[in-house]
Amino acid sequence: MGVEFLKAPAGDKFKLAKRDPEDRTGLPDGKSARVALTDKLSIELNGLQDRFAAEKKTKILLVLQGMDTSGKDGTVKAVFNSVNPLGIRVVAFKAPSALELAHDYLWRVHAEVAQKGEIVIFNRSHYEDVLITRVHGWIDEAEAKRRLAHINDFERMLSETGTVIIKCMLNISKDEQAKRLEERRTDPAKQYKFSMADLEERKHWDEYMTAYEDAIRATSTEHAPWNIIPANSNSTRNAYVAQLLANALEKINPQYPPPEQDLSKVVVV
């Protein structure tokens, strides 16, 4: 399945409002068919990841960014459903601690990037430091531009030292977020996720869309392009992210390393 259309171009040509959160280009009709596709891709990812972890040459960083309820947790659960958990690591960035605030904002991020043979998923990421901080006025426009330049340098360094970066903005509509927040409010199985803070952040929707658009324009690069994932449908979102990851691993084409000695002369007794 081709997913090139998901990529966001760098520069002022990118318009987030023109990306349809309902888009299902290239995907089968029906939720069950899309779930089956994601399950199939997850099984394929397990085999690719097994070779990737054994080879220990390359690293993968999957960045999941999106508004509240966009499905970051659900994406991880669905895409990696059949993948050996020993080869992956999920990092969920929360509000920085006092120790982290005493360093530069990328200090805690660099400590969590992938090792050789490891897939790391950032559930929220270093982009929080140019999104929520800008929306709430904790940094000014000049500092936001400086940080975007820092992020480009940081991601280029990661890329040049063997990290494949897959950045996904999980794009939901404001109406869809309202539906999901209401589900969290009324469904006993989801009420633990409900937070009044989410309602406060929702008041800044337009400011967040501007901040996201500016960040994507400034940091969608050849070595670390942004992919705008239609996320109003969970099954659509999961299928696209699974395909992006499968494509990246297939391009790497990891192989099991040869034995360190001639095993034909080894006798097991």
C-alpha atoms as a PDB file:
ATOM      1  CA  MET A   1       0.000   0.000   0.000  1.00  0.00           C
ATOM      2  CA  GLY A   2       1.416   3.366  -1.008  1.00  0.00           C
ATOM      3  CA  VAL A   3       1.607   5.898   1.813  1.00  0.00           C
ATOM      4  CA  GLU A   4       3.715   8.646   0.228  1.00  0.00           C
ATOM      5  CA  PHE A   5       0.678  10.933   0.149  1.00  0.00           C
ATOM      6  CA  LEU A   6       0.787  11.086   3.958  1.00  0.00           C
ATOM      7  CA  LYS A   7       4.055  13.035   3.937  1.00  0.00           C
ATOM      8  CA  ALA A   8       3.968  16.752   4.634  1.00  0.00           C
ATOM      9  CA  PRO A   9       6.142  18.980   2.457  1.00  0.00           C
ATOM     10  CA  ALA A  10       8.507  21.380   4.148  1.00  0.00           C
ATOM     11  CA  GLY A  11       7.835  25.084   3.939  1.00  0.00           C
ATOM     12  CA  ASP A  12       4.784  27.286   3.611  1.00  0.00           C
ATOM     13  CA  LYS A  13       2.998  25.056   1.088  1.00  0.00           C
ATOM     14  CA  PHE A  14       1.773  22.719   3.828  1.00  0.00           C
ATOM     15  CA  LYS A  15      -1.753  23.436   5.086  1.00  0.00           C
ATOM     16  CA  LEU A  16      -2.971  21.230   7.924  1.00  0.00           C
ATOM     17  CA  ALA A  17      -6.588  22.216   7.240  1.00  0.00           C
ATOM     18  CA  LYS A  18      -6.350  20.604   3.803  1.00  0.00           C
ATOM     19  CA  ARG A  19      -5.558  17.186   5.269  1.00  0.00           C
ATOM     20  CA  ASP A  20      -8.780  15.214   5.712  1.00  0.00           C
ATOM     21  CA  PRO A  21      -8.994  13.338   9.042  1.00  0.00           C
ATOM     22  CA  GLU A  22     -11.438  10.962   7.308  1.00  0.00           C
ATOM     23  CA  ASP A  23      -9.172  10.085   4.365  1.00  0.00           C
ATOM     24  CA  ARG A  24      -8.884   6.325   3.674  1.00  0.00           C
ATOM     25  CA  THR A  25      -6.896   6.379   0.445  1.00  0.00           C
ATOM     26  CA  GLY A  26      -5.536   2.939  -0.434  1.00  0.00           C
ATOM     27  CA  LEU A  27      -7.274   1.173   2.431  1.00  0.00           C
ATOM     28  CA  PRO A  28      -9.975  -1.511   2.165  1.00  0.00           C
ATOM     29  CA  ASP A  29     -13.601  -0.604   2.843  1.00  0.00           C
ATOM     30  CA  GLY A  30     -14.986  -1.527   6.218  1.00  0.00           C
ATOM     31  CA  LYS A  31     -13.579  -1.457   9.721  1.00  0.00           C
ATOM     32  CA  SER A  32     -13.132  -5.244   9.937  1.00  0.00           C
ATOM     33  CA  ALA A  33     -11.048  -5.280   6.754  1.00  0.00           C
ATOM     34  CA  ARG A  34      -8.810  -2.498   8.043  1.00  0.00           C
ATOM     35  CA  VAL A  35      -8.391  -4.237  11.402  1.00  0.00           C
ATOM     36  CA  ALA A  36      -7.450  -7.444   9.548  1.00  0.00           C
ATOM     37  CA  LEU A  37      -4.883  -5.507   7.499  1.00  0.00           C
ATOM     38  CA  THR A  38      -3.294  -4.054  10.642  1.00  0.00           C
ATOM     39  CA  ASP A  39      -3.202  -7.512  12.254  1.00  0.00           C
ATOM     40  CA  LYS A  40      -1.485  -8.891   9.141  1.00  0.00           C
ATOM     41  CA  LEU A  41       1.040  -6.068   9.126  1.00  0.00           C
ATOM     42  CA  SER A  42       1.707  -6.576  12.843  1.00  0.00           C
ATOM     43  CA  ILE A  43       2.613 -10.205  12.201  1.00  0.00           C
ATOM     44  CA  GLU A  44       4.925  -9.100   9.382  1.00  0.00           C
ATOM     45  CA  LEU A  45       6.464  -6.512  11.697  1.00  0.00           C
ATOM     46  CA  ASN A  46       7.243  -9.242  14.203  1.00  0.00           C
ATOM     47  CA  GLY A  47       9.396 -11.105  11.675  1.00  0.00           C
ATOM     48  CA  LEU A  48      11.099  -7.941  10.461  1.00  0.00           C
ATOM     49  CA  GLN A  49      11.714  -6.732  14.008  1.00  0.00           C
ATOM     50  CA  ASP A  50      13.240 -10.083  14.980  1.00  0.00           C
ATOM     51  CA  ARG A  51      15.888  -9.717  12.254  1.00  0.00           C
ATOM     52  CA  PHE A  52      16.279  -6.016  13.033  1.00  0.00           C
ATOM     53  CA  ALA A  53      17.004  -6.718  16.710  1.00  0.00           C
ATOM     54  CA  ALA A  54      19.411  -9.542  15.864  1.00  0.00           C
ATOM     55  CA  GLU A  55      21.351  -7.500  13.319  1.00  0.00           C
ATOM     56  CA  LYS A  56      21.845  -4.548  15.720  1.00  0.00           C
ATOM     57  CA  LYS A  57      22.959  -2.085  13.054  1.00  0.00           C
ATOM     58  CA  THR A  58      20.151   0.419  12.786  1.00  0.00           C
ATOM     59  CA  LYS A  59      17.741   2.188  15.152  1.00  0.00           C
ATOM     60  CA  ILE A  60      14.132   3.261  14.687  1.00  0.00           C
ATOM     61  CA  LEU A  61      12.383   6.178  16.382  1.00  0.00           C
ATOM     62  CA  LEU A  62       8.603   6.333  15.909  1.00  0.00           C
ATOM     63  CA  VAL A  63       7.176   9.680  17.032  1.00  0.00           C
ATOM     64  CA  LEU A  64       3.442   9.832  17.776  1.00  0.00           C
ATOM     65  CA  GLN A  65       2.074  13.345  18.245  1.00  0.00           C
ATOM     66  CA  GLY A  66      -1.526  14.449  18.337  1.00  0.00           C
ATOM     67  CA  MET A  67      -4.199  16.235  20.281  1.00  0.00           C
ATOM     68  CA  ASP A  68      -5.800  14.608  23.324  1.00  0.00           C
ATOM     69  CA  THR A  69      -7.890  11.540  22.308  1.00  0.00           C
ATOM     70  CA  SER A  70      -6.122  11.231  18.927  1.00  0.00           C
ATOM     71  CA  GLY A  71      -5.189   7.647  19.820  1.00  0.00           C
ATOM     72  CA  LYS A  72      -1.495   7.480  20.629  1.00  0.00           C
ATOM     73  CA  ASP A  73      -1.951   4.654  23.147  1.00  0.00           C
ATOM     74  CA  GLY A  74      -4.364   2.797  20.872  1.00  0.00           C
ATOM     75  CA  THR A  75      -1.934   3.014  17.966  1.00  0.00           C
ATOM     76  CA  VAL A  76       0.838   1.394  19.988  1.00  0.00           C
ATOM     77  CA  LYS A  77      -1.485  -1.374  21.173  1.00  0.00           C
ATOM     78  CA  ALA A  78      -2.797  -2.207  17.695  1.00  0.00           C
ATOM     79  CA  VAL A  79       0.360  -1.840  15.607  1.00  0.00           C
ATOM     80  CA  PHE A  80       2.606  -3.778  17.979  1.00  0.00           C
ATOM     81  CA  ASN A  81      -0.011  -6.336  18.957  1.00  0.00           C
ATOM     82  CA  SER A  82       2.007  -9.254  17.516  1.00  0.00           C
ATOM     83  CA  VAL A  83       5.503  -7.828  17.953  1.00  0.00           C
ATOM     84  CA  ASN A  84       7.939  -9.209  20.517  1.00  0.00           C
ATOM     85  CA  PRO A  85       7.928  -6.607  23.337  1.00  0.00           C
ATOM     86  CA  LEU A  86      11.607  -7.289  24.083  1.00  0.00           C
ATOM     87  CA  GLY A  87      12.583  -5.359  20.953  1.00  0.00           C
ATOM     88  CA  ILE A  88      10.493  -2.242  21.502  1.00  0.00           C
ATOM     89  CA  ARG A  89      10.323   0.481  24.137  1.00  0.00           C
ATOM     90  CA  VAL A  90       7.620   3.089  24.689  1.00  0.00           C
ATOM     91  CA  VAL A  91       8.529   6.464  26.195  1.00  0.00           C
ATOM     92  CA  ALA A  92       5.672   8.674  27.369  1.00  0.00           C
ATOM     93  CA  PHE A  93       6.893  12.192  28.016  1.00  0.00           C
ATOM     94  CA  LYS A  94       5.094  13.949  30.867  1.00  0.00           C
ATOM     95  CA  ALA A  95       5.641  17.368  32.423  1.00  0.00           C
ATOM     96  CA  PRO A  96       9.396  17.759  33.029  1.00  0.00           C
ATOM     97  CA  SER A  97      10.793  17.191  36.503  1.00  0.00           C
ATOM     98  CA  ALA A  98      12.877  19.740  38.412  1.00  0.00           C
ATOM     99  CA  LEU A  99      16.027  17.907  37.336  1.00  0.00           C
ATOM    100  CA  GLU A 100      14.962  17.933  33.693  1.00  0.00           C
ATOM    101  CA  LEU A 101      14.071  21.627  33.850  1.00  0.00           C
ATOM    102  CA  ALA A 102      17.567  22.329  35.143  1.00  0.00           C
ATOM    103  CA  HIS A 103      18.951  21.091  31.776  1.00  0.00           C
ATOM    104  CA  ASP A 104      18.182  22.071  28.205  1.00  0.00           C
ATOM    105  CA  TYR A 105      14.809  20.800  26.980  1.00  0.00           C
ATOM    106  CA  LEU A 106      16.338  18.111  24.733  1.00  0.00           C
ATOM    107  CA  TRP A 107      18.448  16.604  27.531  1.00  0.00           C
ATOM    108  CA  ARG A 108      15.793  14.165  28.699  1.00  0.00           C
ATOM    109  CA  VAL A 109      14.859  13.327  25.111  1.00  0.00           C
ATOM    110  CA  HIS A 110      18.350  12.363  23.992  1.00  0.00           C
ATOM    111  CA  ALA A 111      18.624   9.948  26.907  1.00  0.00           C
ATOM    112  CA  GLU A 112      15.623   7.993  25.585  1.00  0.00           C
ATOM    113  CA  VAL A 113      16.426   7.590  21.874  1.00  0.00           C
ATOM    114  CA  ALA A 114      16.835   4.126  20.396  1.00  0.00           C
ATOM    115  CA  GLN A 115      19.860   1.897  20.714  1.00  0.00           C
ATOM    116  CA  LYS A 116      21.068  -0.253  17.817  1.00  0.00           C
ATOM    117  CA  GLY A 117      18.492  -2.930  17.068  1.00  0.00           C
ATOM    118  CA  GLU A 118      15.777  -1.197  19.093  1.00  0.00           C
ATOM    119  CA  ILE A 119      12.458   0.384  18.106  1.00  0.00           C
ATOM    120  CA  VAL A 120      11.523   3.260  20.399  1.00  0.00           C
ATOM    121  CA  ILE A 121       8.081   4.863  20.345  1.00  0.00           C
ATOM    122  CA  PHE A 122       7.716   8.395  21.637  1.00  0.00           C
ATOM    123  CA  ASN A 123       4.162   8.792  22.947  1.00  0.00           C
ATOM    124  CA  ARG A 124       4.294  12.577  22.760  1.00  0.00           C
ATOM    125  CA  SER A 125       7.804  13.829  22.248  1.00  0.00           C
ATOM    126  CA  HIS A 126      10.270  16.698  22.087  1.00  0.00           C
ATOM    127  CA  TYR A 127       7.652  18.529  20.025  1.00  0.00           C
ATOM    128  CA  GLU A 128       5.688  19.221  23.203  1.00  0.00           C
ATOM    129  CA  ASP A 129       8.356  21.841  23.903  1.00  0.00           C
ATOM    130  CA  VAL A 130       7.275  23.838  20.839  1.00  0.00           C
ATOM    131  CA  LEU A 131       3.538  23.123  21.072  1.00  0.00           C
ATOM    132  CA  ILE A 132       2.059  23.429  24.560  1.00  0.00           C
ATOM    133  CA  THR A 133       4.811  25.848  25.592  1.00  0.00           C
ATOM    134  CA  ARG A 134       3.994  28.148  22.684  1.00  0.00           C
ATOM    135  CA  VAL A 135       0.200  27.873  23.020  1.00  0.00           C
ATOM    136  CA  HIS A 136       0.337  28.851  26.683  1.00  0.00           C
ATOM    137  CA  GLY A 137       2.897  31.603  26.167  1.00  0.00           C
ATOM    138  CA  TRP A 138       5.631  29.929  28.208  1.00  0.00           C
ATOM    139  CA  ILE A 139       8.041  30.684  25.364  1.00  0.00           C
ATOM    140  CA  ASP A 140       7.904  33.546  22.879  1.00  0.00           C
ATOM    141  CA  GLU A 141       7.910  33.309  19.076  1.00  0.00           C
ATOM    142  CA  ALA A 142      11.664  33.862  18.831  1.00  0.00           C
ATOM    143  CA  GLU A 143      12.343  31.002  21.247  1.00  0.00           C
ATOM    144  CA  ALA A 144       9.909  28.767  19.367  1.00  0.00           C
ATOM    145  CA  LYS A 145      11.850  29.361  16.139  1.00  0.00           C
ATOM    146  CA  ARG A 146      15.137  28.654  17.900  1.00  0.00           C
ATOM    147  CA  ARG A 147      13.766  25.395  19.280  1.00  0.00           C
ATOM    148  CA  LEU A 148      12.515  24.272  15.879  1.00  0.00           C
ATOM    149  CA  ALA A 149      16.016  24.868  14.508  1.00  0.00           C
ATOM    150  CA  HIS A 150      17.476  22.893  17.425  1.00  0.00           C
ATOM    151  CA  ILE A 151      15.079  20.014  16.693  1.00  0.00           C
ATOM    152  CA  ASN A 152      16.129  19.926  13.051  1.00  0.00           C
ATOM    153  CA  ASP A 153      19.785  19.730  14.103  1.00  0.00           C
ATOM    154  CA  PHE A 154      18.984  17.070  16.714  1.00  0.00           C
ATOM    155  CA  GLU A 155      17.047  14.884  14.270  1.00  0.00           C
ATOM    156  CA  ARG A 156      19.703  15.285  11.583  1.00  0.00           C
ATOM    157  CA  MET A 157      22.319  14.098  14.059  1.00  0.00           C
ATOM    158  CA  LEU A 158      20.174  11.075  14.938  1.00  0.00           C
ATOM    159  CA  SER A 159      19.651  10.282  11.261  1.00  0.00           C
ATOM    160  CA  GLU A 160      23.340  10.609  10.400  1.00  0.00           C
ATOM    161  CA  THR A 161      24.236   8.229  13.241  1.00  0.00           C
ATOM    162  CA  GLY A 162      21.902   5.439  12.167  1.00  0.00           C
ATOM    163  CA  THR A 163      18.393   6.280  13.381  1.00  0.00           C
ATOM    164  CA  VAL A 164      15.433   5.979  11.027  1.00  0.00           C
ATOM    165  CA  ILE A 165      12.882   8.580  12.159  1.00  0.00           C
ATOM    166  CA  ILE A 166       9.165   8.084  11.474  1.00  0.00           C
ATOM    167  CA  LYS A 167       7.110  11.070  12.629  1.00  0.00           C
ATOM    168  CA  CYS A 168       3.323  10.759  12.725  1.00  0.00           C
ATOM    169  CA  MET A 169       0.868  13.532  13.504  1.00  0.00           C
ATOM    170  CA  LEU A 170      -2.421  11.806  14.401  1.00  0.00           C
ATOM    171  CA  ASN A 171      -4.888  14.187  12.800  1.00  0.00           C
ATOM    172  CA  ILE A 172      -8.390  14.259  14.286  1.00  0.00           C
ATOM    173  CA  SER A 173     -11.126  16.822  13.849  1.00  0.00           C
ATOM    174  CA  LYS A 174     -12.443  19.009  16.659  1.00  0.00           C
ATOM    175  CA  ASP A 175     -15.857  17.345  16.366  1.00  0.00           C
ATOM    176  CA  GLU A 176     -14.306  13.884  16.667  1.00  0.00           C
ATOM    177  CA  GLN A 177     -12.411  14.939  19.760  1.00  0.00           C
ATOM    178  CA  ALA A 178     -15.671  16.104  21.320  1.00  0.00           C
ATOM    179  CA  LYS A 179     -17.220  12.670  20.689  1.00  0.00           C
ATOM    180  CA  ARG A 180     -14.259  10.893  22.241  1.00  0.00           C
ATOM    181  CA  LEU A 181     -14.174  13.149  25.295  1.00  0.00           C
ATOM    182  CA  GLU A 182     -17.886  12.508  25.806  1.00  0.00           C
ATOM    183  CA  GLU A 183     -17.238   8.753  25.594  1.00  0.00           C
ATOM    184  CA  ARG A 184     -14.588   9.127  28.275  1.00  0.00           C
ATOM    185  CA  ARG A 185     -17.033  11.047  30.450  1.00  0.00           C
ATOM    186  CA  THR A 186     -19.872   8.523  30.169  1.00  0.00           C
ATOM    187  CA  ASP A 187     -18.250   5.096  29.625  1.00  0.00           C
ATOM    188  CA  PRO A 188     -17.222   3.466  32.931  1.00  0.00           C
ATOM    189  CA  ALA A 189     -14.441   1.618  31.109  1.00  0.00           C
ATOM    190  CA  LYS A 190     -12.996   4.900  29.870  1.00  0.00           C
ATOM    191  CA  GLN A 191     -13.730   7.306  32.705  1.00  0.00           C
ATOM    192  CA  TYR A 192     -10.286   6.804  34.205  1.00  0.00           C
ATOM    193  CA  LYS A 193      -8.907   8.577  31.126  1.00  0.00           C
ATOM    194  CA  PHE A 194     -11.103  11.646  31.551  1.00  0.00           C
ATOM    195  CA  SER A 195      -9.343  14.796  32.701  1.00  0.00           C
ATOM    196  CA  MET A 196     -10.678  18.289  33.192  1.00  0.00           C
ATOM    197  CA  ALA A 197      -7.317  19.472  31.880  1.00  0.00           C
ATOM    198  CA  ASP A 198      -8.265  18.042  28.474  1.00  0.00           C
ATOM    199  CA  LEU A 199     -11.281  20.341  28.376  1.00  0.00           C
ATOM    200  CA  GLU A 200      -9.072  23.323  29.172  1.00  0.00           C
ATOM    201  CA  GLU A 201      -6.636  22.397  26.394  1.00  0.00           C
ATOM    202  CA  ARG A 202      -9.556  21.995  23.982  1.00  0.00           C
ATOM    203  CA  LYS A 203     -10.327  25.701  24.424  1.00  0.00           C
ATOM    204  CA  HIS A 204      -7.018  26.386  22.662  1.00  0.00           C
ATOM    205  CA  TRP A 205      -7.781  24.188  19.632  1.00  0.00           C
ATOM    206  CA  ASP A 206      -7.135  26.882  17.019  1.00  0.00           C
ATOM    207  CA  GLU A 207      -3.865  27.908  18.651  1.00  0.00           C
ATOM    208  CA  TYR A 208      -2.740  24.280  18.701  1.00  0.00           C
ATOM    209  CA  MET A 209      -3.556  23.859  15.011  1.00  0.00           C
ATOM    210  CA  THR A 210      -1.420  26.908  14.221  1.00  0.00           C
ATOM    211  CA  ALA A 211       1.426  25.620  16.395  1.00  0.00           C
ATOM    212  CA  TYR A 212       1.267  22.181  14.775  1.00  0.00           C
ATOM    213  CA  GLU A 213       1.219  23.631  11.268  1.00  0.00           C
ATOM    214  CA  ASP A 214       4.219  25.868  11.973  1.00  0.00           C
ATOM    215  CA  ALA A 215       6.164  23.008  13.578  1.00  0.00           C
ATOM    216  CA  ILE A 216       5.449  20.638  10.705  1.00  0.00           C
ATOM    217  CA  ARG A 217       6.409  23.244   8.105  1.00  0.00           C
ATOM    218  CA  ALA A 218       9.712  23.895   9.865  1.00  0.00           C
ATOM    219  CA  THR A 219      10.694  20.294  10.659  1.00  0.00           C
ATOM    220  CA  SER A 220       9.367  18.074   7.869  1.00  0.00           C
ATOM    221  CA  THR A 221      12.743  17.278   6.332  1.00  0.00           C
ATOM    222  CA  GLU A 222      14.129  14.690   3.937  1.00  0.00           C
ATOM    223  CA  HIS A 223      15.702  12.731   6.791  1.00  0.00           C
ATOM    224  CA  ALA A 224      12.728  13.136   9.159  1.00  0.00           C
ATOM    225  CA  PRO A 225       9.515  13.916   7.256  1.00  0.00           C
ATOM    226  CA  TRP A 226       6.178  14.314   8.980  1.00  0.00           C
ATOM    227  CA  ASN A 227       3.340  11.963   8.086  1.00  0.00           C
ATOM    228  CA  ILE A 228      -0.155  13.356   8.619  1.00  0.00           C
ATOM    229  CA  ILE A 229      -2.254  10.362   9.678  1.00  0.00           C
ATOM    230  CA  PRO A 230      -6.042  10.563   9.218  1.00  0.00           C
ATOM    231  CA  ALA A 231      -7.161   9.601  12.722  1.00  0.00           C
ATOM    232  CA  ASN A 232     -10.922  10.075  12.954  1.00  0.00           C
ATOM    233  CA  SER A 233     -11.114   6.309  12.400  1.00  0.00           C
ATOM    234  CA  ASN A 234      -8.998   4.157  14.715  1.00  0.00           C
ATOM    235  CA  SER A 235      -8.744   1.339  12.190  1.00  0.00           C
ATOM    236  CA  THR A 236      -7.578   3.769   9.487  1.00  0.00           C
ATOM    237  CA  ARG A 237      -5.001   5.372  11.763  1.00  0.00           C
ATOM    238  CA  ASN A 238      -3.574   2.024  12.863  1.00  0.00           C
ATOM    239  CA  ALA A 239      -3.313   0.638   9.336  1.00  0.00           C
ATOM    240  CA  TYR A 240      -1.412   3.665   8.047  1.00  0.00           C
ATOM    241  CA  VAL A 241       1.083   3.703  10.932  1.00  0.00           C
ATOM    242  CA  ALA A 242       1.651  -0.055  10.642  1.00  0.00           C
ATOM    243  CA  GLN A 243       2.316   0.311   6.913  1.00  0.00           C
ATOM    244  CA  LEU A 244       4.769   3.166   7.438  1.00  0.00           C
ATOM    245  CA  LEU A 245       6.732   1.091   9.930  1.00  0.00           C
ATOM    246  CA  ALA A 246       6.652  -2.009   7.729  1.00  0.00           C
ATOM    247  CA  ASN A 247       7.900   0.024   4.761  1.00  0.00           C
ATOM    248  CA  ALA A 248      10.770   1.419   6.834  1.00  0.00           C
ATOM    249  CA  LEU A 249      11.854  -2.012   8.037  1.00  0.00           C
ATOM    250  CA  GLU A 250      11.582  -3.505   4.565  1.00  0.00           C
ATOM    251  CA  LYS A 251      13.801  -0.714   3.240  1.00  0.00           C
ATOM    252  CA  ILE A 252      16.367  -1.441   5.969  1.00  0.00           C
ATOM    253  CA  ASN A 253      16.107  -5.136   5.020  1.00  0.00           C
ATOM    254  CA  PRO A 254      17.697  -6.463   8.231  1.00  0.00           C
ATOM    255  CA  GLN A 255      19.401  -9.844   8.137  1.00  0.00           C
ATOM    256  CA  TYR A 256      20.322 -12.350  10.790  1.00  0.00           C
ATOM    257  CA  PRO A 257      24.063 -12.055  11.448  1.00  0.00           C
ATOM    258  CA  PRO A 258      26.301 -15.043  10.608  1.00  0.00           C
ATOM    259  CA  PRO A 259      27.654 -17.143  13.489  1.00  0.00           C
ATOM    260  CA  GLU A 260      30.923 -16.037  15.008  1.00  0.00           C
ATOM    261  CA  GLN A 261      32.493 -19.438  14.336  1.00  0.00           C
ATOM    262  CA  ASP A 262      32.103 -22.373  11.967  1.00  0.00           C
ATOM    263  CA  LEU A 263      29.184 -24.218  13.543  1.00  0.00           C
ATOM    264  CA  SER A 264      29.588 -27.174  11.189  1.00  0.00           C
ATOM    265  CA  LYS A 265      32.537 -28.285  13.350  1.00  0.00           C
ATOM    266  CA  VAL A 266      30.629 -27.955  16.623  1.00  0.00           C
ATOM    267  CA  VAL A 267      29.308 -31.169  18.142  1.00  0.00           C
ATOM    268  CA  VAL A 268      26.420 -31.026  20.586  1.00  0.00           C
ATOM    269  CA  VAL A 269      26.657 -33.882  23.074  1.00  0.00           C
END
